[in-house]
Protein backbone atom coordinates (compact mmCIF):
# COMPACT_ATOMS: atom_id res chain seq x y z
CA MET A 1 -31.68 206.21 -142.56
CA THR A 2 -32.69 203.27 -144.74
CA LEU A 3 -34.39 204.17 -148.02
CA ILE A 4 -37.30 202.34 -149.70
CA LEU A 5 -38.35 202.91 -153.33
CA ALA A 6 -42.01 202.35 -154.22
CA LEU A 7 -43.28 202.13 -157.82
CA ASP A 8 -46.82 202.18 -159.19
CA PHE A 9 -47.52 201.08 -162.77
CA GLY A 10 -51.15 202.15 -163.13
CA GLY A 11 -53.48 201.80 -166.10
CA THR A 12 -53.10 205.47 -167.03
CA LYS A 13 -50.35 206.83 -164.80
CA LEU A 14 -46.91 205.94 -163.50
CA ALA A 15 -45.75 207.03 -160.05
CA ALA A 16 -42.63 206.58 -157.93
CA ALA A 17 -41.71 207.66 -154.42
CA THR A 18 -39.00 207.25 -151.82
CA VAL A 19 -39.39 207.06 -148.06
CA ASN A 20 -37.20 206.31 -145.06
CA ILE A 21 -38.19 203.23 -143.05
CA GLY A 22 -40.33 204.28 -140.12
CA SER A 23 -41.41 207.53 -141.76
CA ARG A 24 -44.96 208.29 -142.97
CA LYS A 25 -43.92 211.09 -145.28
CA TRP A 26 -42.53 210.76 -148.79
CA LEU A 27 -39.00 212.05 -149.23
CA ARG A 28 -39.60 212.50 -152.95
CA TYR A 29 -42.58 211.76 -155.16
CA GLU A 30 -43.11 212.00 -158.92
CA ARG A 31 -45.77 210.83 -161.31
CA ARG A 32 -46.43 211.01 -165.03
CA PHE A 33 -49.33 210.04 -167.20
CA SER A 34 -48.78 207.19 -169.61
CA PRO A 35 -49.05 208.56 -173.18
CA VAL A 36 -51.85 207.44 -175.49
CA GLY A 37 -50.78 204.28 -177.33
CA ALA A 38 -48.10 203.47 -174.75
CA ASP A 39 -46.75 199.92 -174.52
CA ALA A 40 -44.64 198.08 -171.96
CA SER A 41 -41.38 199.51 -173.35
CA THR A 42 -42.73 203.06 -173.13
CA ASP A 43 -43.87 202.56 -169.54
CA LEU A 44 -40.58 200.97 -168.50
CA GLU A 45 -38.59 203.87 -169.97
CA ILE A 46 -40.80 206.46 -168.25
CA MET A 47 -40.52 204.61 -164.94
CA ARG A 48 -36.77 204.30 -165.32
CA SER A 49 -36.48 208.06 -165.79
CA LEU A 50 -38.69 208.64 -162.73
CA ILE A 51 -36.53 206.30 -160.65
CA TYR A 52 -33.24 207.99 -161.56
CA SER A 53 -34.79 211.43 -161.07
CA LEU A 54 -35.84 210.41 -157.53
CA LEU A 55 -32.73 208.50 -156.49
CA GLN A 56 -29.99 210.73 -157.89
CA ASP A 57 -26.95 209.63 -155.84
CA THR A 58 -28.84 207.56 -153.25
CA LYS A 59 -29.47 203.82 -153.26
CA PRO A 60 -32.58 202.16 -151.76
CA ALA A 61 -32.42 199.02 -149.66
CA ALA A 62 -35.41 197.46 -151.45
CA ILE A 63 -38.02 198.19 -154.12
CA GLY A 64 -41.75 197.46 -153.91
CA VAL A 65 -43.83 197.50 -157.09
CA SER A 66 -47.56 197.80 -157.63
CA PHE A 67 -48.68 196.74 -161.12
CA GLY A 68 -52.10 197.32 -162.68
CA GLY A 69 -52.73 193.80 -163.95
CA PRO A 70 -52.31 190.11 -163.13
CA VAL A 71 -48.93 189.27 -161.57
CA ASP A 72 -47.31 186.02 -160.44
CA ALA A 73 -46.15 187.39 -157.08
CA SER A 74 -43.96 184.34 -156.38
CA THR A 75 -41.71 185.16 -159.36
CA GLY A 76 -42.55 188.85 -159.83
CA THR A 77 -43.59 188.20 -163.42
CA VAL A 78 -46.27 190.39 -164.97
CA ARG A 79 -48.76 188.17 -166.78
CA LEU A 80 -50.40 190.94 -168.80
CA SER A 81 -51.98 194.38 -168.62
CA HIS A 82 -55.58 194.86 -169.69
CA HIS A 83 -54.85 198.51 -170.50
CA VAL A 84 -51.29 198.65 -171.88
CA ALA A 85 -49.97 196.42 -174.69
CA GLY A 86 -46.82 194.32 -174.55
CA TRP A 87 -46.76 193.33 -170.88
CA GLU A 88 -47.30 189.61 -171.49
CA ASN A 89 -44.96 187.55 -169.25
CA ILE A 90 -42.53 190.37 -168.48
CA PRO A 91 -40.16 189.39 -165.60
CA LEU A 92 -40.40 192.79 -163.89
CA LYS A 93 -38.84 191.69 -160.58
CA ALA A 94 -35.84 190.15 -162.37
CA LEU A 95 -35.37 193.24 -164.57
CA LEU A 96 -35.30 195.59 -161.58
CA GLU A 97 -33.10 193.32 -159.46
CA GLU A 98 -30.62 193.04 -162.33
CA GLU A 99 -30.48 196.81 -162.77
CA PHE A 100 -30.38 197.87 -159.11
CA SER A 101 -28.91 194.79 -157.34
CA ILE A 102 -31.36 194.96 -154.41
CA PRO A 103 -34.40 192.89 -153.33
CA VAL A 104 -37.60 193.64 -155.26
CA GLY A 105 -41.21 192.65 -154.54
CA VAL A 106 -43.89 192.85 -157.25
CA ASP A 107 -47.64 192.22 -157.03
CA ASN A 108 -50.83 193.47 -158.64
CA ASP A 109 -52.13 196.87 -157.58
CA ALA A 110 -55.10 195.65 -155.56
CA ASN A 111 -53.05 193.18 -153.50
CA VAL A 112 -50.38 195.81 -152.93
CA ALA A 113 -52.92 198.50 -151.96
CA ALA A 114 -54.56 196.03 -149.56
CA LEU A 115 -51.16 195.61 -147.89
CA GLY A 116 -50.72 199.37 -147.78
CA GLU A 117 -54.11 200.01 -146.16
CA HIS A 118 -53.59 197.13 -143.71
CA ARG A 119 -50.20 198.33 -142.62
CA PHE A 120 -50.55 202.11 -142.85
CA GLY A 121 -54.22 203.00 -143.41
CA ALA A 122 -57.86 202.04 -142.86
CA GLY A 123 -57.03 198.38 -142.17
CA GLN A 124 -54.71 198.94 -139.20
CA GLY A 125 -55.79 196.70 -136.33
CA TYR A 126 -57.99 194.44 -138.49
CA ASP A 127 -57.25 190.76 -139.13
CA SER A 128 -59.42 190.51 -142.26
CA LEU A 129 -60.19 193.03 -144.93
CA PHE A 130 -60.98 193.19 -148.61
CA TYR A 131 -59.56 196.17 -150.46
CA ILE A 132 -61.37 197.22 -153.65
CA THR A 133 -59.96 199.67 -156.16
CA VAL A 134 -62.48 201.29 -158.51
CA SER A 135 -60.81 203.39 -161.18
CA THR A 136 -59.64 202.42 -164.69
CA GLY A 137 -60.72 198.88 -163.72
CA VAL A 138 -62.11 197.20 -160.63
CA GLY A 139 -59.85 194.90 -158.62
CA GLY A 140 -59.60 193.51 -155.12
CA GLY A 141 -56.97 192.40 -152.65
CA TRP A 142 -57.32 190.20 -149.56
CA ILE A 143 -55.81 190.35 -146.11
CA LEU A 144 -56.83 187.24 -144.15
CA ASN A 145 -55.54 186.49 -140.64
CA GLY A 146 -53.26 189.50 -141.03
CA GLN A 147 -51.57 188.15 -144.17
CA PRO A 148 -52.08 188.71 -147.91
CA TRP A 149 -54.15 185.98 -149.57
CA ARG A 150 -53.52 185.65 -153.29
CA GLY A 151 -55.20 182.32 -154.05
CA ALA A 152 -53.73 179.15 -155.54
CA GLY A 153 -52.66 180.86 -158.76
CA GLY A 154 -52.41 184.44 -157.54
CA MET A 155 -55.82 185.39 -158.93
CA ALA A 156 -57.83 185.85 -155.72
CA GLY A 157 -59.76 189.08 -155.32
CA GLU A 158 -61.01 189.66 -158.87
CA ILE A 159 -64.29 191.23 -157.77
CA GLY A 160 -64.33 193.25 -160.99
CA HIS A 161 -65.14 190.09 -162.90
CA ILE A 162 -67.95 188.83 -160.72
CA VAL A 163 -70.94 188.74 -163.07
CA VAL A 164 -73.85 190.72 -161.61
CA ASP A 165 -75.93 191.09 -164.80
CA PRO A 166 -75.61 188.07 -167.14
CA SER A 167 -77.57 189.89 -169.86
CA GLY A 168 -75.55 193.09 -169.43
CA PRO A 169 -72.97 194.65 -171.77
CA VAL A 170 -69.82 192.78 -172.79
CA CYS A 171 -66.74 193.41 -170.64
CA LEU A 172 -63.14 193.55 -171.86
CA CYS A 173 -62.70 190.06 -170.37
CA GLY A 174 -65.38 188.69 -172.73
CA LYS A 175 -68.12 188.06 -170.17
CA ARG A 176 -71.33 190.04 -169.84
CA GLY A 177 -72.34 192.28 -166.96
CA CYS A 178 -69.18 192.17 -164.82
CA VAL A 179 -68.86 194.60 -161.92
CA GLU A 180 -66.00 196.30 -163.80
CA ARG A 181 -68.09 196.66 -166.96
CA LEU A 182 -70.67 198.65 -165.03
CA ALA A 183 -68.72 200.39 -162.26
CA SER A 184 -65.27 201.41 -163.58
CA GLY A 185 -64.70 205.02 -164.62
CA PRO A 186 -64.06 204.49 -168.36
CA TYR A 187 -67.04 202.13 -168.69
CA MET A 188 -69.33 204.56 -166.85
CA ALA A 189 -68.28 207.21 -169.39
CA GLN A 190 -68.87 204.77 -172.26
CA ASN A 191 -72.32 203.85 -170.95
CA ALA A 192 -73.32 207.50 -170.71
CA ARG A 193 -71.88 208.24 -174.15
CA GLU A 194 -73.77 205.36 -175.78
CA ILE A 195 -77.07 206.48 -174.26
CA LEU A 196 -76.51 210.05 -175.44
CA GLU A 197 -75.53 208.93 -178.94
CA LYS A 198 -78.59 206.72 -179.33
CA LYS A 199 -81.02 209.31 -177.99
CA PRO A 200 -79.56 212.75 -178.61
CA GLN A 201 -82.61 214.47 -177.07
CA ARG A 202 -84.10 211.73 -174.91
CA ARG A 203 -86.94 213.69 -173.36
CA GLY A 204 -85.75 217.17 -174.05
CA GLY A 205 -85.27 218.05 -170.39
CA LEU A 206 -82.20 219.94 -169.22
CA LYS A 207 -81.67 217.35 -166.49
CA ASP A 208 -81.67 214.40 -168.86
CA GLY A 209 -78.18 214.43 -170.30
CA GLU A 210 -77.95 218.13 -171.08
CA ILE A 211 -75.83 218.93 -168.01
CA LEU A 212 -73.49 216.12 -169.06
CA ARG A 213 -73.35 217.44 -172.62
CA GLY A 214 -72.62 220.92 -171.31
CA LEU A 215 -69.62 219.71 -169.27
CA VAL A 216 -67.92 218.44 -172.44
CA GLY A 217 -69.18 221.09 -174.85
CA ASP A 218 -71.18 218.38 -176.65
CA ASN A 219 -67.92 216.51 -177.46
CA LEU A 220 -68.91 213.12 -176.05
CA THR A 221 -65.40 211.68 -176.52
CA LEU A 222 -64.31 213.84 -173.56
CA LEU A 223 -66.66 212.10 -171.12
CA THR A 224 -65.08 210.55 -168.02
CA GLY A 225 -66.42 208.74 -164.99
CA GLN A 226 -65.60 211.81 -162.90
CA LEU A 227 -67.72 214.03 -165.18
CA VAL A 228 -70.60 211.56 -164.94
CA ALA A 229 -70.41 211.88 -161.15
CA GLU A 230 -70.26 215.69 -161.35
CA ALA A 231 -73.28 215.81 -163.66
CA ALA A 232 -75.21 213.46 -161.38
CA ALA A 233 -74.45 215.69 -158.40
CA ALA A 234 -75.71 218.68 -160.42
CA GLY A 235 -79.02 216.88 -161.03
CA ASP A 236 -78.57 215.29 -164.47
CA ASP A 237 -80.98 212.33 -164.50
CA LEU A 238 -79.11 210.41 -167.21
CA ALA A 239 -75.84 210.71 -165.27
CA LYS A 240 -77.66 209.61 -162.11
CA GLU A 241 -78.97 206.55 -163.95
CA VAL A 242 -75.44 205.53 -165.01
CA LEU A 243 -73.96 206.29 -161.58
CA HIS A 244 -76.69 204.36 -159.75
CA LYS A 245 -76.15 201.34 -162.01
CA ALA A 246 -72.43 201.46 -161.16
CA ALA A 247 -73.16 201.73 -157.43
CA TRP A 248 -75.69 198.90 -157.72
CA ALA A 249 -73.17 196.61 -159.46
CA LEU A 250 -70.49 197.31 -156.86
CA GLY A 251 -72.99 196.80 -154.04
CA VAL A 252 -74.09 193.41 -155.40
CA GLY A 253 -70.43 192.36 -155.70
CA ILE A 254 -69.63 193.46 -152.14
CA GLY A 255 -72.71 191.75 -150.70
CA ASN A 256 -71.81 188.47 -152.39
CA VAL A 257 -68.20 188.66 -151.22
CA ALA A 258 -69.44 189.40 -147.68
CA ASN A 259 -71.58 186.25 -147.77
CA LEU A 260 -68.75 184.13 -149.14
CA MET A 261 -65.77 185.25 -147.05
CA ASN A 262 -67.15 187.39 -144.18
CA PRO A 263 -64.30 189.93 -143.83
CA GLN A 264 -64.49 192.53 -141.06
CA ARG A 265 -63.96 195.44 -143.40
CA PHE A 266 -64.25 196.49 -147.03
CA VAL A 267 -61.84 199.32 -147.85
CA LEU A 268 -62.64 201.19 -151.06
CA GLY A 269 -60.10 203.22 -153.03
CA GLY A 270 -59.81 204.64 -156.53
CA GLY A 271 -61.31 207.58 -158.36
CA VAL A 272 -64.89 206.34 -158.69
CA THR A 273 -65.25 206.12 -154.91
CA LYS A 274 -65.08 209.93 -154.88
CA ALA A 275 -68.32 209.92 -156.86
CA GLY A 276 -70.35 211.49 -154.06
CA GLU A 277 -72.76 210.68 -151.26
CA ASP A 278 -75.46 209.37 -153.58
CA PHE A 279 -73.11 206.73 -155.00
CA TRP A 280 -72.09 205.59 -151.51
CA GLN A 281 -75.67 205.49 -150.27
CA VAL A 282 -76.85 203.27 -153.14
CA MET A 283 -73.81 201.00 -152.87
CA HIS A 284 -74.22 200.58 -149.09
CA GLN A 285 -77.92 199.84 -149.41
CA VAL A 286 -77.50 197.28 -152.19
CA ALA A 287 -74.56 195.57 -150.42
CA ARG A 288 -76.60 195.31 -147.23
CA GLU A 289 -79.64 193.95 -149.12
CA THR A 290 -77.48 191.42 -150.99
CA ALA A 291 -75.69 190.10 -147.89
CA LEU A 292 -77.41 187.88 -145.36
CA PRO A 293 -78.77 189.76 -142.32
CA GLU A 294 -76.42 187.80 -140.04
CA VAL A 295 -73.30 188.90 -141.97
CA ASP A 296 -71.70 191.93 -140.33
CA PHE A 297 -69.27 194.12 -142.25
CA GLU A 298 -68.15 197.73 -142.66
CA ILE A 299 -67.50 199.62 -145.89
CA VAL A 300 -65.04 202.50 -145.48
CA SER A 301 -62.98 204.77 -147.70
CA ALA A 302 -59.29 204.06 -148.16
CA VAL A 303 -57.29 206.38 -145.90
CA LEU A 304 -54.27 206.45 -148.19
CA GLY A 305 -56.27 207.58 -151.22
CA ASP A 306 -54.45 207.46 -154.55
CA ASP A 307 -51.20 206.67 -152.72
CA ALA A 308 -52.43 203.28 -151.45
CA PRO A 309 -50.50 201.33 -154.15
CA LEU A 310 -47.32 203.25 -153.34
CA TRP A 311 -47.63 202.72 -149.57
CA GLY A 312 -48.36 199.09 -150.37
CA GLY A 313 -45.16 199.15 -152.41
CA VAL A 314 -43.35 200.17 -149.22
CA ALA A 315 -45.00 197.24 -147.39
CA ILE A 316 -44.07 194.74 -150.10
CA ALA A 317 -40.50 196.09 -150.22
CA LEU A 318 -40.20 195.45 -146.47
CA ILE A 319 -41.43 191.89 -147.07
CA ALA A 320 -39.01 191.44 -150.00
CA ASN A 321 -35.97 192.25 -147.86
CA PRO A 322 -35.67 189.76 -144.97
CA GLU A 323 -33.63 192.29 -142.98
CA PHE A 324 -36.81 194.31 -142.43
CA VAL A 325 -39.03 191.50 -141.14
CA ASN A 326 -39.70 193.33 -137.87
CA GLU A 327 -39.98 196.86 -139.30
C-alpha cells in the first residue's frame, strides 16, 4: 500500500496522521497542543517529533500540509502566522522536501480543508463550494468548477476580514468590525470578558452573566468561545448576546459572499460551529436576509469535523505527487 502523511499546523494545536491511498481510515494519528509562547521553531520541533513517532520505519510517498495562516501555495512558503511568532517567510515545503526527499504540498488551512471536504466530505459531487473555518480565527477556502481557487496572490477566501461593522472593535488585522473580530472563539470570549469586567453586576439577574461567571469560578481569564456557547444554551442572556452577535457577523459575511460569487454550498467547520442550534438559526436567518432573494445556496456542517485540514492534507499530497493524478 502507498502511504500519505498529512500535517496540520493549527493556531493552537499540531496534528499529524498517516493513511493508505484509497482508505478512509487513519493508520496512525497524533496531536499535541502548541505550548503558550510557542514560536515557529517550537512548532517545527513538535511536528518533527510527531512525524517520526508516526512513521517509525515507514516512508510516505508524499506529504500534504495544512497551515493556519497565509501561504504562497505555488512555492509552499509560509508568509506568516497571526497566532504564532516567527513564521514570516518560512519555506516549509522546501524544508520538508529536503528532510524527507518526497513531494510536499503546502497551503493555508482553509484552502486545504476546502479540498478535503470537496474530495472526502460535504462537498462531494458539488462543482462550487466555499468552506469556512470558525475557530481560533475565521478563514475561507474556495472550490470553483471543481478546482481550488486561491486568487491572484493566494489570498482569496479571507471572509474573516470582511468588515461587517465599521464602527466595531479593532481586529488583530487593524481594521474594525471584521467577521473574525466578532465570530472567532477567542474574540467571543474576549467580548464576554470585557462586558463582565465593565459591568460586574449588570442587572443582578442570574441569567445575565452569572451562569458564565459560574462556569469559570469567576476567573474571567478562563473564558473560551465554547464556554460562551454553553452558557448561552443554559440561558445566560449576556452569553446569548455575544453568541448572537457572532452568528450575525458570520451570517452577514456569508450573505455577501453568496451575492458576490453564488456558490452552491457553504460548508462550515471549526469549533464555533458547534455552538448550538440557536447560533445556526441566527446565522442562517441573517445570511438569507443579507443575500438577494434570487441567490440560492445551502449552509451545511463540515462532515470531516476537526479532521478536515488533515483530509485536505491527503488531497493536497495527492496533487503534489503527479503519480497520483487519477487517485
